[in-house]
Amino acid sequence: MCIRDRIFYDTSKPEGVSVRTASIENQKKWLDWSPKVSFAEGIGKTIDWYAESVDREALVEHFEMLLFERSAG
């Protein structure tokens, strides 16, 4: 018997979670941890760091390859 023969879909169940959101409530409760910066501030800092760090000429020259290539690590 092939694995496909054993898989069935229960159509009476919903297809998945309709809404997903991130929550740090468990980290606060279980680890007594909370972030030092907001998500928006962290993303902003990451973008600023990347803009300062990237070799723009190399990025432009190899953009297509970098966009689709996966690292081997």
Protein backbone atom coordinates (compact mmCIF):
# COMPACT_ATOMS: atom_id res chain seq x y z
CA MET A 1 0.00 0.00 0.00
CA CYS A 2 1.38 3.34 -1.08
CA ILE A 3 1.42 6.31 1.35
CA ARG A 4 -0.96 8.15 -0.98
CA ASP A 5 -3.50 5.38 -0.47
CA ARG A 6 -3.47 6.05 3.29
CA ILE A 7 -3.87 9.84 3.10
CA PHE A 8 -7.36 11.20 3.11
CA TYR A 9 -8.77 14.67 3.56
CA ASP A 10 -11.51 15.29 6.08
CA THR A 11 -13.62 17.85 4.23
CA SER A 12 -15.78 18.44 7.32
CA LYS A 13 -12.86 20.30 8.92
CA PRO A 14 -11.72 23.79 7.98
CA GLU A 15 -8.66 24.00 5.73
CA GLY A 16 -6.52 25.76 8.28
CA VAL A 17 -6.22 28.64 10.67
CA SER A 18 -7.96 31.66 9.16
CA VAL A 19 -5.87 34.22 11.02
CA ARG A 20 -2.37 33.91 12.47
CA THR A 21 -0.71 36.46 14.67
CA ALA A 22 2.52 36.45 16.58
CA SER A 23 2.33 36.71 20.34
CA ILE A 24 5.04 37.02 22.97
CA GLU A 25 2.76 36.34 25.90
CA ASN A 26 4.27 32.88 26.58
CA GLN A 27 7.81 34.27 26.57
CA LYS A 28 6.75 36.90 29.06
CA LYS A 29 4.99 34.35 31.25
CA TRP A 30 7.37 31.37 31.10
CA LEU A 31 10.74 33.02 30.54
CA ASP A 32 10.17 36.38 32.18
CA TRP A 33 11.39 37.90 28.91
CA SER A 34 10.18 40.75 26.77
CA PRO A 35 11.82 42.52 23.83
CA LYS A 36 13.81 45.70 24.34
CA VAL A 37 12.62 47.23 21.05
CA SER A 38 9.32 47.07 19.22
CA PHE A 39 8.93 44.98 16.08
CA ALA A 40 8.70 48.13 13.93
CA GLU A 41 11.85 49.61 15.50
CA GLY A 42 13.72 46.32 15.05
CA ILE A 43 12.77 46.09 11.37
CA GLY A 44 13.81 49.72 10.89
CA LYS A 45 17.19 49.09 12.52
CA THR A 46 17.70 45.98 10.39
CA ILE A 47 16.93 47.89 7.18
CA ASP A 48 19.26 50.72 8.21
CA TRP A 49 22.05 48.24 9.00
CA TYR A 50 21.59 46.45 5.68
CA ALA A 51 21.58 49.71 3.71
CA GLU A 52 24.87 50.71 5.37
CA SER A 53 26.46 47.26 5.00
CA VAL A 54 25.58 46.15 1.49
CA ASP A 55 27.98 46.57 -1.42
CA ARG A 56 25.55 48.33 -3.76
CA GLU A 57 27.61 47.81 -6.92
CA ALA A 58 27.86 44.06 -6.28
CA LEU A 59 24.16 43.92 -5.44
CA VAL A 60 23.19 45.59 -8.71
CA GLU A 61 25.61 43.45 -10.72
CA HIS A 62 24.45 40.13 -9.20
CA PHE A 63 20.88 41.02 -8.21
CA GLU A 64 19.08 38.34 -10.22
CA MET A 65 21.40 35.56 -9.01
CA LEU A 66 21.18 36.75 -5.39
CA LEU A 67 17.41 36.96 -5.60
CA PHE A 68 16.95 33.33 -6.61
CA GLU A 69 20.05 31.56 -5.28
CA ARG A 70 19.87 29.63 -2.02
CA SER A 71 22.89 29.43 0.20
CA ALA A 72 24.37 26.02 0.89
CA GLY A 73 24.40 26.59 4.63
